[in-house]
Amino acid sequence: MNVSSIVVQTLPKFLDEVVEALKNTPECDYHFHDEKGRIIITIEGEGVSEELKKLHVIEEIPHVIAADMQMAYSEDELDEHMQIIDDAEVVPKMLNEENVNVKDIVYNGDLKKKDLEVFAETLKRQ
């Protein structure tokens, strides 16, 4: 399932007419508008082609100047990224090993490139 937000633009003098048309079309869900003629709606579809068909219907409403996608959400894409996160190891295996030599740990972070040898010496003194 895909969900996309759309900003519809019309002239302020046609705002009420366009909002009413959007509220009455099954192709979208109306959310809100401002006095400048900007209207926020969402459309849903099983895929991009279904969403594009619905967007075309919106564009054909009288007095609609533009209807532009602003954000899209794809359930399949989110599921794919969630699987990558779920499969990733949060803590590197090396850090869970009991006999790891601190000098063997390579730090590539951004904390001013800490000197690990100084860190290792500090650990030895404790």
Protein backbone atom coordinates (compact mmCIF):
# COMPACT_ATOMS: atom_id res chain seq x y z
CA MET A 1 0.00 0.00 0.00
CA ASN A 2 1.26 3.47 -0.90
CA VAL A 3 0.12 6.73 0.66
CA SER A 4 1.11 10.12 -0.73
CA SER A 5 0.42 13.65 0.39
CA ILE A 6 -0.59 16.13 -2.30
CA VAL A 7 -0.63 19.91 -2.25
CA VAL A 8 -3.39 21.17 -4.53
CA GLN A 9 -3.23 24.80 -5.63
CA THR A 10 -6.18 26.93 -6.75
CA LEU A 11 -7.05 30.61 -6.80
CA PRO A 12 -8.60 31.87 -3.55
CA LYS A 13 -11.82 32.79 -5.37
CA PHE A 14 -12.31 29.11 -6.34
CA LEU A 15 -11.17 27.65 -3.01
CA ASP A 16 -14.57 26.63 -1.64
CA GLU A 17 -15.57 25.03 -4.94
CA VAL A 18 -12.33 23.02 -5.24
CA VAL A 19 -12.39 21.95 -1.57
CA GLU A 20 -15.96 20.72 -1.98
CA ALA A 21 -15.01 18.77 -5.12
CA LEU A 22 -12.06 17.17 -3.32
CA LYS A 23 -14.21 16.25 -0.32
CA ASN A 24 -16.69 14.55 -2.66
CA THR A 25 -14.24 12.54 -4.78
CA PRO A 26 -13.41 8.98 -3.70
CA GLU A 27 -9.86 9.37 -5.09
CA CYS A 28 -8.54 11.31 -2.09
CA ASP A 29 -8.94 12.32 1.53
CA TYR A 30 -9.20 16.04 2.24
CA HIS A 31 -7.29 17.32 5.29
CA PHE A 32 -7.11 21.13 5.35
CA HIS A 33 -6.52 24.30 3.35
CA ASP A 34 -5.41 27.91 3.79
CA GLU A 35 -6.81 31.20 2.52
CA LYS A 36 -4.13 31.38 -0.22
CA GLY A 37 -5.63 28.44 -2.11
CA ARG A 38 -3.35 25.64 -0.92
CA ILE A 39 -5.15 22.42 -0.09
CA ILE A 40 -3.65 19.30 1.53
CA ILE A 41 -4.99 15.89 0.55
CA THR A 42 -3.75 12.31 0.61
CA ILE A 43 -4.18 9.53 -1.91
CA GLU A 44 -3.70 5.79 -1.48
CA GLY A 45 -2.98 3.06 -3.95
CA GLU A 46 -1.67 -0.47 -4.26
CA GLY A 47 1.18 0.93 -6.33
CA VAL A 48 2.51 4.03 -8.01
CA SER A 49 0.39 3.54 -11.14
CA GLU A 50 -2.83 3.56 -9.10
CA GLU A 51 -1.71 6.71 -7.28
CA LEU A 52 -0.87 8.42 -10.56
CA LYS A 53 -4.33 7.63 -11.92
CA LYS A 54 -5.90 9.23 -8.85
CA LEU A 55 -3.58 12.22 -9.13
CA HIS A 56 -4.69 12.70 -12.74
CA VAL A 57 -8.34 12.77 -11.60
CA ILE A 58 -7.44 15.46 -9.03
CA GLU A 59 -5.64 17.52 -11.68
CA GLU A 60 -8.77 17.44 -13.87
CA ILE A 61 -11.01 19.06 -11.24
CA PRO A 62 -12.08 22.50 -12.52
CA HIS A 63 -9.95 25.39 -11.22
CA VAL A 64 -7.11 23.17 -9.97
CA ILE A 65 -3.91 24.94 -11.03
CA ALA A 66 -1.52 22.26 -9.76
CA ALA A 67 -1.53 19.05 -7.73
CA ASP A 68 1.95 18.01 -6.64
CA MET A 69 3.10 15.06 -4.57
CA GLN A 70 5.04 16.23 -1.56
CA MET A 71 5.67 13.03 0.33
CA ALA A 72 5.17 9.35 -0.43
CA TYR A 73 5.05 6.36 1.89
CA SER A 74 5.44 2.84 0.60
CA GLU A 75 4.61 0.01 2.98
CA ASP A 76 6.85 -2.41 1.06
CA GLU A 77 9.78 0.00 1.15
CA LEU A 78 9.34 0.56 4.89
CA ASP A 79 9.14 -3.21 5.51
CA GLU A 80 12.37 -3.69 3.55
CA HIS A 81 14.21 -1.05 5.59
CA MET A 82 12.83 -2.41 8.87
CA GLN A 83 14.14 -5.87 7.95
CA ILE A 84 17.63 -4.41 7.36
CA ILE A 85 17.51 -2.73 10.78
CA ASP A 86 16.22 -5.91 12.45
CA ASP A 87 18.99 -7.99 10.85
CA ALA A 88 21.75 -5.55 11.80
CA GLU A 89 23.79 -6.11 14.92
CA VAL A 90 23.42 -3.18 17.29
CA VAL A 91 26.72 -3.88 19.04
CA PRO A 92 29.66 -5.20 17.00
CA LYS A 93 30.55 -8.79 17.97
CA MET A 94 34.08 -7.75 18.92
CA LEU A 95 32.79 -5.57 21.75
CA ASN A 96 30.97 -8.52 23.32
CA GLU A 97 34.02 -10.78 23.36
CA GLU A 98 35.58 -11.20 26.80
CA ASN A 99 39.19 -11.62 25.64
CA VAL A 100 39.36 -8.78 23.14
CA ASN A 101 42.48 -6.65 23.24
CA VAL A 102 41.49 -2.98 23.37
CA LYS A 103 44.35 -2.18 20.97
CA ASP A 104 42.62 -4.32 18.33
CA ILE A 105 39.52 -2.12 18.36
CA VAL A 106 39.50 0.39 15.54
CA TYR A 107 37.29 3.39 16.21
CA ASN A 108 36.05 5.26 13.13
CA GLY A 109 33.58 7.58 14.86
CA ASP A 110 33.66 11.33 15.01
CA LEU A 111 34.61 12.05 18.61
CA LYS A 112 37.71 13.98 17.56
CA LYS A 113 39.35 10.68 16.51
CA LYS A 114 40.13 9.60 20.06
CA ASP A 115 43.54 7.99 20.57
CA LEU A 116 42.70 4.38 21.47
CA GLU A 117 46.18 3.71 22.86
CA VAL A 118 45.65 6.44 25.46
CA PHE A 119 42.25 4.90 26.17
CA ALA A 120 43.81 1.44 26.54
CA GLU A 121 46.46 2.75 28.96
CA THR A 122 43.74 4.39 31.05
CA LEU A 123 41.89 1.06 31.25
CA LYS A 124 45.05 -0.76 32.35
CA ARG A 125 45.56 1.68 35.25
CA GLN A 126 42.04 1.11 36.60
